[in-house]
Amino acid sequence: MTISEAKDILVKRIGWRDDKTVDGFVVSAANLYTDSGRFYQDEHSAITLVNIRNCQPISDISTDDFNAYLERLKTQVAFQVLSDVFEKDTVNDVLFDLYPSAFDNAISLRMVIVVSELMMTTTRYNVTERFTKDFVGKLNYDIFREAPNKFAIRGANYAHTLGIATRYGFEIKSVQRRFGSQRNRIRTITKGEVSNEFYNDIDRWNRYTN
């Protein structure tokens, strides 16, 4: 299948929960739909519909337009994940039948990065007052932090000692291994940078998380 056809599968994997944070807003069926049963808001507490609505460019956005915006975010994330995983414009559709959940973690983490960047870079005055320096600082830390000794910590909670961007990088490498399509390096993860050393130890990561 083409990358565009693969995108159509990935955008349905995770949905937007109607978290009731936006008064009067009704989440569309397309945004609520989730093949995996997972929702983007479950990955990080800052990923709420009200935070996204307050940071997107249109201050008085309508329900229909906000639903369309949420769908565009899903599409953007799906394309970015596929671009980071595959070098070619076509992929084997059998892989998506065998491993339907292979991309779920990467999609969820990538959405956290996209929405966090939206919040950290917004210039809307009413929003910058609401998002305090402490909030933005904590969000930036959650995205870019590095564990003091990333391979000294074992157990189920190991991944959560790493920043979201680093975890995303590991998830991309994991999908590449499963699908047998490797890039030499991930060109762009976020507007910030993540230390390359995190990608040199993927074997250890797999040992601790498998």
N, C-alpha and C. Protein backbone atom coordinates (compact mmCIF):
# COMPACT_ATOMS: atom_id res chain seq x y z
N MET A 1 0.84 -1.18 0.00
CA MET A 1 0.00 0.00 0.00
C MET A 1 0.88 1.24 0.00
N THR A 2 0.31 2.36 -0.40
CA THR A 2 1.06 3.61 -0.37
C THR A 2 1.10 4.16 1.05
N ILE A 3 2.00 5.12 1.26
CA ILE A 3 2.07 5.77 2.57
C ILE A 3 0.76 6.47 2.89
N SER A 4 0.11 7.03 1.87
CA SER A 4 -1.17 7.69 2.08
C SER A 4 -2.24 6.70 2.54
N GLU A 5 -2.23 5.50 1.95
CA GLU A 5 -3.18 4.46 2.37
C GLU A 5 -2.87 3.98 3.78
N ALA A 6 -1.60 3.88 4.11
CA ALA A 6 -1.20 3.50 5.47
C ALA A 6 -1.64 4.56 6.47
N LYS A 7 -1.56 5.82 6.06
CA LYS A 7 -2.02 6.91 6.92
C LYS A 7 -3.48 6.74 7.28
N ASP A 8 -4.29 6.33 6.31
CA ASP A 8 -5.73 6.16 6.54
C ASP A 8 -5.99 5.11 7.61
N ILE A 9 -5.07 4.16 7.78
CA ILE A 9 -5.19 3.15 8.83
C ILE A 9 -4.78 3.74 10.17
N LEU A 10 -3.65 4.44 10.18
CA LEU A 10 -3.11 4.95 11.44
C LEU A 10 -4.00 6.01 12.08
N VAL A 11 -4.66 6.85 11.29
CA VAL A 11 -5.49 7.90 11.88
C VAL A 11 -6.68 7.33 12.63
N LYS A 12 -7.01 6.06 12.38
CA LYS A 12 -8.13 5.43 13.07
C LYS A 12 -7.69 4.64 14.31
N ARG A 13 -6.40 4.53 14.52
CA ARG A 13 -5.91 3.70 15.62
C ARG A 13 -6.24 4.31 16.99
N ILE A 14 -6.09 5.63 17.14
CA ILE A 14 -6.29 6.31 18.42
C ILE A 14 -7.25 7.47 18.20
N GLY A 15 -8.13 7.71 19.17
CA GLY A 15 -9.13 8.75 19.02
C GLY A 15 -9.00 9.84 20.07
N TRP A 16 -9.87 10.83 19.94
CA TRP A 16 -9.97 11.90 20.93
C TRP A 16 -11.15 11.59 21.86
N ARG A 17 -10.89 11.50 23.14
CA ARG A 17 -11.96 11.31 24.11
C ARG A 17 -12.72 12.63 24.30
N ASP A 18 -14.02 12.55 24.49
CA ASP A 18 -14.80 13.74 24.82
C ASP A 18 -14.56 14.01 26.31
N ASP A 19 -13.52 14.79 26.61
CA ASP A 19 -13.10 14.98 28.00
C ASP A 19 -13.86 16.09 28.72
N LYS A 20 -14.85 16.67 28.04
CA LYS A 20 -15.75 17.68 28.65
C LYS A 20 -15.01 18.93 29.13
N THR A 21 -13.85 19.20 28.57
CA THR A 21 -13.10 20.39 28.98
C THR A 21 -13.48 21.63 28.18
N VAL A 22 -14.19 21.45 27.06
CA VAL A 22 -14.64 22.58 26.24
C VAL A 22 -16.16 22.65 26.32
N ASP A 23 -16.67 23.71 26.93
CA ASP A 23 -18.11 23.85 27.11
C ASP A 23 -18.83 23.86 25.76
N GLY A 24 -19.84 23.02 25.64
CA GLY A 24 -20.68 23.01 24.46
C GLY A 24 -20.09 22.33 23.25
N PHE A 25 -18.87 21.83 23.36
CA PHE A 25 -18.23 21.18 22.21
C PHE A 25 -18.61 19.71 22.14
N VAL A 26 -18.98 19.26 20.94
CA VAL A 26 -19.33 17.87 20.71
C VAL A 26 -18.29 17.26 19.77
N VAL A 27 -17.59 16.25 20.26
CA VAL A 27 -16.55 15.61 19.45
C VAL A 27 -17.21 14.78 18.35
N SER A 28 -16.73 14.92 17.14
CA SER A 28 -17.32 14.21 16.00
C SER A 28 -17.07 12.71 16.11
N ALA A 29 -17.88 11.95 15.39
CA ALA A 29 -17.73 10.49 15.37
C ALA A 29 -16.36 10.09 14.85
N ALA A 30 -15.86 10.81 13.85
CA ALA A 30 -14.55 10.49 13.29
C ALA A 30 -13.44 10.69 14.31
N ASN A 31 -13.56 11.71 15.15
CA ASN A 31 -12.54 11.96 16.17
C ASN A 31 -12.67 11.02 17.36
N LEU A 32 -13.89 10.61 17.68
CA LEU A 32 -14.11 9.68 18.78
C LEU A 32 -13.65 8.26 18.44
N TYR A 33 -13.67 7.93 17.15
CA TYR A 33 -13.42 6.55 16.72
C TYR A 33 -12.00 6.11 17.07
N THR A 34 -11.86 4.90 17.58
CA THR A 34 -10.54 4.36 17.90
C THR A 34 -10.53 2.85 17.69
N ASP A 35 -9.70 2.37 16.78
CA ASP A 35 -9.57 0.93 16.56
C ASP A 35 -8.91 0.23 17.74
N SER A 36 -8.06 0.93 18.44
CA SER A 36 -7.27 0.33 19.52
C SER A 36 -7.95 0.43 20.88
N GLY A 37 -8.96 1.31 21.00
CA GLY A 37 -9.55 1.58 22.30
C GLY A 37 -8.78 2.61 23.11
N ARG A 38 -7.74 3.19 22.50
CA ARG A 38 -6.90 4.17 23.19
C ARG A 38 -7.29 5.59 22.77
N PHE A 39 -6.99 6.55 23.67
CA PHE A 39 -7.26 7.96 23.39
C PHE A 39 -6.01 8.78 23.66
N TYR A 40 -5.84 9.86 22.89
CA TYR A 40 -4.65 10.68 23.01
C TYR A 40 -4.50 11.29 24.40
N GLN A 41 -5.63 11.63 25.03
CA GLN A 41 -5.56 12.28 26.35
C GLN A 41 -4.96 11.37 27.42
N ASP A 42 -4.92 10.06 27.17
CA ASP A 42 -4.40 9.13 28.17
C ASP A 42 -2.88 9.18 28.30
N GLU A 43 -2.20 9.75 27.30
CA GLU A 43 -0.73 9.72 27.30
C GLU A 43 -0.13 10.77 28.21
N HIS A 44 -0.78 11.93 28.34
CA HIS A 44 -0.21 13.01 29.17
C HIS A 44 -1.34 13.92 29.63
N SER A 45 -1.27 14.37 30.87
CA SER A 45 -2.36 15.15 31.47
C SER A 45 -2.56 16.51 30.80
N ALA A 46 -1.54 17.03 30.12
CA ALA A 46 -1.68 18.33 29.46
C ALA A 46 -2.42 18.25 28.14
N ILE A 47 -2.61 17.03 27.63
CA ILE A 47 -3.24 16.86 26.33
C ILE A 47 -4.75 16.81 26.53
N THR A 48 -5.35 17.98 26.59
CA THR A 48 -6.80 18.09 26.74
C THR A 48 -7.35 18.92 25.59
N LEU A 49 -8.64 18.74 25.33
CA LEU A 49 -9.26 19.48 24.23
C LEU A 49 -9.24 20.98 24.49
N VAL A 50 -9.41 21.40 25.73
CA VAL A 50 -9.42 22.84 26.00
C VAL A 50 -8.05 23.45 25.78
N ASN A 51 -6.98 22.73 26.12
CA ASN A 51 -5.64 23.26 25.87
C ASN A 51 -5.37 23.39 24.38
N ILE A 52 -5.82 22.41 23.61
CA ILE A 52 -5.63 22.47 22.16
C ILE A 52 -6.46 23.61 21.57
N ARG A 53 -7.71 23.71 22.00
CA ARG A 53 -8.58 24.76 21.46
C ARG A 53 -8.00 26.14 21.77
N ASN A 54 -7.49 26.32 22.96
CA ASN A 54 -6.96 27.62 23.34
C ASN A 54 -5.68 27.99 22.61
N CYS A 55 -4.99 27.00 22.06
CA CYS A 55 -3.70 27.27 21.40
C CYS A 55 -3.77 27.28 19.88
N GLN A 56 -4.81 26.73 19.32
CA GLN A 56 -4.92 26.75 17.86
C GLN A 56 -5.20 28.20 17.40
N PRO A 57 -4.96 28.52 16.15
CA PRO A 57 -4.92 29.93 15.71
C PRO A 57 -6.22 30.72 15.76
N ILE A 58 -7.38 30.06 15.68
CA ILE A 58 -8.64 30.79 15.56
C ILE A 58 -9.28 30.93 16.95
N SER A 59 -9.39 32.15 17.45
CA SER A 59 -9.86 32.36 18.82
C SER A 59 -11.32 31.97 19.01
N ASP A 60 -12.16 32.19 18.00
CA ASP A 60 -13.58 31.88 18.12
C ASP A 60 -13.97 30.71 17.22
N ILE A 61 -13.14 29.70 17.17
CA ILE A 61 -13.33 28.57 16.26
C ILE A 61 -14.66 27.87 16.54
N SER A 62 -15.34 27.46 15.47
CA SER A 62 -16.63 26.78 15.59
C SER A 62 -16.40 25.30 15.92
N THR A 63 -17.48 24.63 16.29
CA THR A 63 -17.41 23.20 16.59
C THR A 63 -16.93 22.42 15.38
N ASP A 64 -17.50 22.69 14.21
CA ASP A 64 -17.11 21.96 13.01
C ASP A 64 -15.65 22.20 12.67
N ASP A 65 -15.22 23.46 12.77
CA ASP A 65 -13.83 23.77 12.43
C ASP A 65 -12.86 23.18 13.45
N PHE A 66 -13.25 23.13 14.71
CA PHE A 66 -12.37 22.54 15.72
C PHE A 66 -12.27 21.03 15.52
N ASN A 67 -13.37 20.39 15.17
CA ASN A 67 -13.29 18.97 14.85
C ASN A 67 -12.38 18.72 13.65
N ALA A 68 -12.48 19.60 12.65
CA ALA A 68 -11.60 19.48 11.48
C ALA A 68 -10.14 19.67 11.88
N TYR A 69 -9.90 20.60 12.81
CA TYR A 69 -8.53 20.84 13.29
C TYR A 69 -7.99 19.60 14.00
N LEU A 70 -8.80 18.98 14.84
CA LEU A 70 -8.38 17.77 15.54
C LEU A 70 -8.08 16.64 14.55
N GLU A 71 -8.87 16.55 13.50
CA GLU A 71 -8.61 15.54 12.47
C GLU A 71 -7.30 15.82 11.75
N ARG A 72 -7.01 17.11 11.50
CA ARG A 72 -5.75 17.45 10.85
C ARG A 72 -4.56 17.09 11.74
N LEU A 73 -4.70 17.27 13.03
CA LEU A 73 -3.63 16.86 13.94
C LEU A 73 -3.38 15.36 13.84
N LYS A 74 -4.44 14.59 13.79
CA LYS A 74 -4.30 13.14 13.65
C LYS A 74 -3.58 12.78 12.35
N THR A 75 -3.95 13.45 11.28
CA THR A 75 -3.32 13.18 9.98
C THR A 75 -1.85 13.58 10.00
N GLN A 76 -1.56 14.75 10.57
CA GLN A 76 -0.18 15.22 10.68
C GLN A 76 0.67 14.22 11.43
N VAL A 77 0.17 13.72 12.54
CA VAL A 77 0.92 12.78 13.36
C VAL A 77 1.13 11.46 12.61
N ALA A 78 0.09 10.96 11.95
CA ALA A 78 0.21 9.70 11.22
C ALA A 78 1.26 9.79 10.12
N PHE A 79 1.24 10.88 9.36
CA PHE A 79 2.23 11.07 8.30
C PHE A 79 3.65 11.17 8.88
N GLN A 80 3.80 11.89 10.00
CA GLN A 80 5.13 12.05 10.58
C GLN A 80 5.69 10.72 11.06
N VAL A 81 4.86 9.91 11.72
CA VAL A 81 5.31 8.61 12.20
C VAL A 81 5.72 7.73 11.02
N LEU A 82 4.90 7.70 9.99
CA LEU A 82 5.23 6.89 8.82
C LEU A 82 6.51 7.38 8.15
N SER A 83 6.68 8.69 8.08
CA SER A 83 7.88 9.26 7.48
C SER A 83 9.13 8.90 8.28
N ASP A 84 8.99 8.88 9.61
CA ASP A 84 10.13 8.53 10.46
C ASP A 84 10.48 7.05 10.38
N VAL A 85 9.49 6.21 10.11
CA VAL A 85 9.72 4.77 10.06
C VAL A 85 10.22 4.30 8.70
N PHE A 86 9.58 4.76 7.62
CA PHE A 86 9.83 4.19 6.30
C PHE A 86 10.59 5.15 5.40
N GLU A 87 11.49 4.57 4.59
CA GLU A 87 12.20 5.35 3.59
C GLU A 87 11.46 5.36 2.25
N LYS A 88 10.66 4.33 2.00
CA LYS A 88 9.99 4.19 0.72
C LYS A 88 8.58 4.77 0.77
N ASP A 89 7.99 4.95 -0.42
CA ASP A 89 6.63 5.48 -0.53
C ASP A 89 5.57 4.40 -0.47
N THR A 90 5.99 3.12 -0.47
CA THR A 90 5.04 2.02 -0.37
C THR A 90 5.49 1.07 0.74
N VAL A 91 4.52 0.42 1.37
CA VAL A 91 4.81 -0.55 2.44
C VAL A 91 3.94 -1.77 2.22
N ASN A 92 4.34 -2.89 2.80
CA ASN A 92 3.61 -4.14 2.66
C ASN A 92 2.37 -4.10 3.54
N ASP A 93 1.20 -4.19 2.92
CA ASP A 93 -0.04 -4.10 3.69
C ASP A 93 -0.23 -5.28 4.62
N VAL A 94 0.43 -6.41 4.35
CA VAL A 94 0.32 -7.57 5.23
C VAL A 94 0.84 -7.25 6.63
N LEU A 95 1.85 -6.40 6.69
CA LEU A 95 2.42 -6.02 7.98
C LEU A 95 1.39 -5.35 8.87
N PHE A 96 0.51 -4.56 8.28
CA PHE A 96 -0.52 -3.88 9.05
C PHE A 96 -1.59 -4.86 9.53
N ASP A 97 -1.77 -5.96 8.78
CA ASP A 97 -2.71 -7.00 9.22
C ASP A 97 -2.13 -7.81 10.37
N LEU A 98 -0.82 -8.07 10.31
CA LEU A 98 -0.17 -8.90 11.33
C LEU A 98 0.10 -8.13 12.62
N TYR A 99 0.42 -6.85 12.50
CA TYR A 99 0.80 -6.05 13.66
C TYR A 99 -0.04 -4.77 13.72
N PRO A 100 -1.34 -4.88 13.94
CA PRO A 100 -2.19 -3.68 13.90
C PRO A 100 -1.85 -2.64 14.96
N SER A 101 -1.28 -3.08 16.08
CA SER A 101 -0.99 -2.13 17.17
C SER A 101 0.45 -1.65 17.18
N ALA A 102 1.24 -2.03 16.18
CA ALA A 102 2.67 -1.74 16.20
C ALA A 102 2.99 -0.25 16.30
N PHE A 103 2.13 0.59 15.72
CA PHE A 103 2.40 2.02 15.69
C PHE A 103 1.75 2.80 16.84
N ASP A 104 0.93 2.13 17.65
CA ASP A 104 0.10 2.86 18.61
C ASP A 104 0.90 3.73 19.57
N ASN A 105 1.94 3.18 20.16
CA ASN A 105 2.73 3.96 21.12
C ASN A 105 3.39 5.16 20.46
N ALA A 106 3.93 4.94 19.25
CA ALA A 106 4.59 6.04 18.54
C ALA A 106 3.59 7.14 18.19
N ILE A 107 2.40 6.76 17.75
CA ILE A 107 1.37 7.75 17.40
C ILE A 107 0.99 8.56 18.63
N SER A 108 0.75 7.87 19.74
CA SER A 108 0.34 8.55 20.96
C SER A 108 1.41 9.51 21.46
N LEU A 109 2.67 9.07 21.46
CA LEU A 109 3.77 9.92 21.93
C LEU A 109 3.99 11.10 20.99
N ARG A 110 3.88 10.86 19.69
CA ARG A 110 4.07 11.94 18.73
C ARG A 110 3.01 13.02 18.92
N MET A 111 1.78 12.63 19.23
CA MET A 111 0.73 13.62 19.45
C MET A 111 1.05 14.48 20.68
N VAL A 112 1.59 13.87 21.72
CA VAL A 112 2.00 14.64 22.90
C VAL A 112 3.03 15.69 22.51
N ILE A 113 3.98 15.33 21.69
CA ILE A 113 5.02 16.26 21.25
C ILE A 113 4.41 17.41 20.45
N VAL A 114 3.53 17.07 19.50
CA VAL A 114 2.92 18.09 18.64
C VAL A 114 2.10 19.07 19.46
N VAL A 115 1.24 18.55 20.34
CA VAL A 115 0.37 19.42 21.14
C VAL A 115 1.20 20.22 22.15
N SER A 116 2.23 19.60 22.71
CA SER A 116 3.09 20.32 23.67
C SER A 116 3.81 21.47 23.00
N GLU A 117 4.30 21.26 21.79
CA GLU A 117 4.93 22.35 21.04
C GLU A 117 3.93 23.46 20.76
N LEU A 118 2.70 23.08 20.47
CA LEU A 118 1.64 24.06 20.25
C LEU A 118 1.45 24.93 21.50
N MET A 119 1.44 24.30 22.65
CA MET A 119 1.25 25.03 23.90
C MET A 119 2.47 25.87 24.26
N MET A 120 3.65 25.34 24.00
CA MET A 120 4.87 26.05 24.40
C MET A 120 5.22 27.21 23.48
N THR A 121 4.65 27.23 22.28
CA THR A 121 5.00 28.27 21.32
C THR A 121 3.85 29.22 21.01
N THR A 122 2.70 29.03 21.65
CA THR A 122 1.56 29.89 21.36
C THR A 122 1.86 31.34 21.73
N THR A 123 1.32 32.25 20.92
CA THR A 123 1.49 33.68 21.18
C THR A 123 0.16 34.34 21.55
N ARG A 124 -0.88 33.54 21.72
CA ARG A 124 -2.17 34.10 22.12
C ARG A 124 -2.07 34.61 23.55
N TYR A 125 -2.36 35.88 23.75
CA TYR A 125 -2.11 36.55 25.04
C TYR A 125 -2.87 35.90 26.18
N ASN A 126 -4.15 35.61 25.96
CA ASN A 126 -4.95 35.03 27.05
C ASN A 126 -4.45 33.66 27.44
N VAL A 127 -3.82 32.96 26.51
CA VAL A 127 -3.31 31.62 26.79
C VAL A 127 -1.97 31.70 27.50
N THR A 128 -1.11 32.61 27.07
CA THR A 128 0.21 32.71 27.71
C THR A 128 0.08 33.10 29.16
N GLU A 129 -0.98 33.83 29.50
CA GLU A 129 -1.21 34.15 30.90
C GLU A 129 -1.70 32.93 31.67
N ARG A 130 -2.50 32.11 31.02
CA ARG A 130 -3.03 30.92 31.69
C ARG A 130 -1.94 29.87 31.89
N PHE A 131 -1.09 29.68 30.88
CA PHE A 131 0.00 28.71 30.99
C PHE A 131 1.17 29.39 31.70
N THR A 132 1.31 29.16 32.96
CA THR A 132 2.36 29.80 33.75
C THR A 132 3.73 29.28 33.34
N LYS A 133 4.76 29.99 33.78
CA LYS A 133 6.13 29.55 33.51
C LYS A 133 6.39 28.17 34.10
N ASP A 134 5.81 27.92 35.28
CA ASP A 134 5.99 26.61 35.90
C ASP A 134 5.36 25.51 35.05
N PHE A 135 4.16 25.78 34.49
CA PHE A 135 3.49 24.79 33.64
C PHE A 135 4.31 24.51 32.39
N VAL A 136 4.75 25.56 31.71
CA VAL A 136 5.53 25.40 30.48
C VAL A 136 6.85 24.72 30.77
N GLY A 137 7.47 25.08 31.90
CA GLY A 137 8.75 24.45 32.26
C GLY A 137 8.59 22.97 32.54
N LYS A 138 7.52 22.61 33.24
CA LYS A 138 7.27 21.19 33.51
C LYS A 138 6.98 20.44 32.22
N LEU A 139 6.23 21.06 31.32
CA LEU A 139 5.92 20.41 30.05
C LEU A 139 7.18 20.20 29.23
N ASN A 140 8.03 21.20 29.17
CA ASN A 140 9.29 21.08 28.45
C ASN A 140 10.16 19.97 29.05
N TYR A 141 10.17 19.88 30.39
CA TYR A 141 10.93 18.84 31.07
C TYR A 141 10.39 17.46 30.71
N ASP A 142 9.07 17.32 30.71
CA ASP A 142 8.47 16.02 30.37
C ASP A 142 8.83 15.58 28.96
N ILE A 143 8.94 16.54 28.05
CA ILE A 143 9.25 16.20 26.66
C ILE A 143 10.74 15.87 26.47
N PHE A 144 11.62 16.67 27.04
CA PHE A 144 13.04 16.58 26.69
C PHE A 144 13.95 16.03 27.78
N ARG A 145 13.42 15.65 28.92
CA ARG A 145 14.30 15.23 30.02
C ARG A 145 15.07 13.96 29.65
N GLU A 146 16.21 13.80 30.31
CA GLU A 146 17.01 12.60 30.16
C GLU A 146 17.15 11.95 31.52
N ALA A 147 17.09 10.62 31.57
CA ALA A 147 17.29 9.92 32.83
C ALA A 147 18.74 10.07 33.27
N PRO A 148 19.02 10.23 34.58
CA PRO A 148 20.39 10.38 35.06
C PRO A 148 21.28 9.23 34.63
N ASN A 149 20.75 8.02 34.70
CA ASN A 149 21.48 6.84 34.25
C ASN A 149 20.46 5.94 33.57
N LYS A 150 20.32 6.10 32.28
CA LYS A 150 19.16 5.56 31.59
C LYS A 150 19.10 4.05 31.55
N PHE A 151 20.22 3.36 31.82
CA PHE A 151 20.18 1.90 31.79
C PHE A 151 20.43 1.28 33.17
N ALA A 152 20.43 2.10 34.20
CA ALA A 152 20.58 1.57 35.55
C ALA A 152 19.23 1.24 36.16
N ILE A 153 18.15 1.73 35.54
CA ILE A 153 16.81 1.55 36.08
C ILE A 153 16.12 0.42 35.34
N ARG A 154 15.64 -0.54 36.09
CA ARG A 154 14.97 -1.69 35.49
C ARG A 154 13.51 -1.72 35.92
N GLY A 155 12.70 -2.50 35.22
CA GLY A 155 11.33 -2.69 35.64
C GLY A 155 10.33 -1.97 34.75
N ALA A 156 9.06 -2.16 35.08
CA ALA A 156 7.98 -1.69 34.23
C ALA A 156 7.94 -0.18 34.09
N ASN A 157 8.42 0.54 35.09
CA ASN A 157 8.34 2.00 35.05
C ASN A 157 9.57 2.64 34.40
N TYR A 158 10.42 1.82 33.83
CA TYR A 158 11.67 2.33 33.27
C TYR A 158 11.43 3.40 32.20
N ALA A 159 10.51 3.12 31.27
CA ALA A 159 10.29 4.04 30.15
C ALA A 159 9.91 5.42 30.62
N HIS A 160 9.21 5.51 31.74
CA HIS A 160 8.69 6.79 32.18
C HIS A 160 9.74 7.65 32.86
N THR A 161 10.98 7.14 32.98
CA THR A 161 12.07 7.98 33.45
C THR A 161 12.67 8.78 32.32
N LEU A 162 12.28 8.47 31.09
CA LEU A 162 12.80 9.15 29.92
C LEU A 162 11.79 10.18 29.42
N GLY A 163 12.29 11.19 28.71
CA GLY A 163 11.40 12.19 28.14
C GLY A 163 10.56 11.61 27.00
N ILE A 164 9.47 12.30 26.70
CA ILE A 164 8.57 11.84 25.65
C ILE A 164 9.28 11.73 24.30
N ALA A 165 10.13 12.71 23.98
CA ALA A 165 10.83 12.69 22.69
C ALA A 165 11.75 11.49 22.58
N THR A 166 12.42 11.14 23.67
CA THR A 166 13.31 9.99 23.67
C THR A 166 12.51 8.70 23.54
N ARG A 167 11.43 8.60 24.27
CA ARG A 167 10.58 7.41 24.17
C ARG A 167 10.05 7.26 22.75
N TYR A 168 9.69 8.40 22.13
CA TYR A 168 9.22 8.35 20.75
C TYR A 168 10.31 7.78 19.83
N GLY A 169 11.54 8.23 20.02
CA GLY A 169 12.63 7.71 19.21
C GLY A 169 12.80 6.21 19.36
N PHE A 170 12.70 5.70 20.58
CA PHE A 170 12.81 4.27 20.80
C PHE A 170 11.65 3.52 20.14
N GLU A 171 10.45 4.08 20.22
CA GLU A 171 9.31 3.42 19.59
C GLU A 171 9.48 3.34 18.08
N ILE A 172 10.01 4.39 17.47
CA ILE A 172 10.25 4.36 16.03
C ILE A 172 11.24 3.26 15.68
N LYS A 173 12.31 3.16 16.46
CA LYS A 173 13.30 2.10 16.21
C LYS A 173 12.68 0.72 16.37
N SER A 174 11.81 0.57 17.36
CA SER A 174 11.15 -0.71 17.58
C SER A 174 10.27 -1.10 16.39
N VAL A 175 9.53 -0.13 15.85
CA VAL A 175 8.68 -0.40 14.69
C VAL A 175 9.54 -0.73 13.47
N GLN A 176 10.64 -0.02 13.30
CA GLN A 176 11.52 -0.29 12.18
C GLN A 176 12.06 -1.71 12.23
N ARG A 177 12.40 -2.16 13.43
CA ARG A 177 12.90 -3.52 13.56
C ARG A 177 11.82 -4.54 13.21
N ARG A 178 10.62 -4.30 13.70
CA ARG A 178 9.53 -5.25 13.45
C ARG A 178 9.17 -5.29 11.98
N PHE A 179 9.18 -4.14 11.31
CA PHE A 179 8.77 -4.07 9.91
C PHE A 179 9.94 -4.24 8.95
N GLY A 180 11.15 -4.32 9.47
CA GLY A 180 12.31 -4.57 8.63
C GLY A 180 12.66 -3.43 7.71
N SER A 181 12.32 -2.20 8.08
CA SER A 181 12.64 -1.03 7.27
C SER A 181 13.31 -0.01 8.17
N GLN A 182 14.62 0.17 7.99
CA GLN A 182 15.37 1.03 8.89
C GLN A 182 15.87 2.28 8.18
N ARG A 183 15.77 3.37 8.85
CA ARG A 183 16.42 4.58 8.39
C ARG A 183 17.79 4.65 9.04
N ASN A 184 18.71 5.35 8.40
CA ASN A 184 20.02 5.54 9.02
C ASN A 184 19.91 6.38 10.29
N ARG A 185 19.00 7.32 10.28
CA ARG A 185 18.79 8.14 11.46
C ARG A 185 17.42 8.81 11.33
N ILE A 186 16.85 9.22 12.44
CA ILE A 186 15.62 9.98 12.40
C ILE A 186 15.99 11.44 12.22
N ARG A 187 15.59 12.02 11.09
CA ARG A 187 16.04 13.36 10.77
C ARG A 187 15.45 14.40 11.71
N THR A 188 14.16 14.30 11.97
CA THR A 188 13.50 15.32 12.78
C THR A 188 12.53 14.64 13.72
N ILE A 189 12.69 14.92 15.02
CA ILE A 189 11.76 14.40 16.00
C ILE A 189 10.88 15.53 16.50
N THR A 190 11.48 16.61 16.90
CA THR A 190 10.73 17.77 17.36
C THR A 190 11.49 19.01 16.93
N LYS A 191 10.99 20.16 17.30
CA LYS A 191 11.71 21.39 17.03
C LYS A 191 12.95 21.50 17.89
N GLY A 192 12.98 20.74 18.98
CA GLY A 192 14.17 20.67 19.81
C GLY A 192 15.04 19.52 19.33
N GLU A 193 16.04 19.20 20.09
CA GLU A 193 16.94 18.12 19.72
C GLU A 193 17.03 17.12 20.86
N VAL A 194 17.18 15.86 20.50
CA VAL A 194 17.37 14.81 21.48
C VAL A 194 18.75 14.21 21.25
N SER A 195 19.47 13.96 22.33
CA SER A 195 20.82 13.46 22.23
C SER A 195 20.88 12.17 21.43
N ASN A 196 21.83 12.07 20.48
CA ASN A 196 21.95 10.89 19.63
C ASN A 196 22.33 9.64 20.41
N GLU A 197 22.92 9.80 21.57
CA GLU A 197 23.36 8.64 22.32
C GLU A 197 22.20 7.73 22.69
N PHE A 198 20.98 8.29 22.78
CA PHE A 198 19.85 7.47 23.16
C PHE A 198 19.55 6.42 22.10
N TYR A 199 19.93 6.69 20.86
CA TYR A 199 19.62 5.75 19.79
C TYR A 199 20.71 4.69 19.60
N ASN A 200 21.81 4.86 20.29
CA ASN A 200 22.90 3.89 20.14
C ASN A 200 22.71 2.67 21.01
N ASP A 201 21.76 2.72 21.93
CA ASP A 201 21.60 1.63 22.90
C ASP A 201 20.25 0.95 22.78
N ILE A 202 19.74 0.84 21.57
CA ILE A 202 18.41 0.27 21.38
C ILE A 202 18.35 -1.19 21.82
N ASP A 203 19.46 -1.92 21.70
CA ASP A 203 19.46 -3.32 22.13
C ASP A 203 19.18 -3.43 23.62
N ARG A 204 19.79 -2.55 24.40
CA ARG A 204 19.55 -2.59 25.84
C ARG A 204 18.11 -2.20 26.16
N TRP A 205 17.62 -1.22 25.44
CA TRP A 205 16.22 -0.81 25.63
C TRP A 205 15.28 -2.00 25.44
N ASN A 206 15.50 -2.76 24.36
CA ASN A 206 14.64 -3.90 24.08
C ASN A 206 14.77 -4.96 25.18
N ARG A 207 15.97 -5.12 25.72
CA ARG A 207 16.17 -6.11 26.76
C ARG A 207 15.41 -5.75 28.02
N TYR A 208 15.37 -4.46 28.36
CA TYR A 208 14.70 -4.03 29.58
C TYR A 208 13.19 -3.99 29.42
N THR A 209 12.70 -3.77 28.21
CA THR A 209 11.26 -3.58 28.03
C THR A 209 10.56 -4.83 27.52
N ASN A 210 11.30 -5.85 27.14
CA ASN A 210 10.68 -7.10 26.63
C ASN A 210 10.60 -8.14 27.73
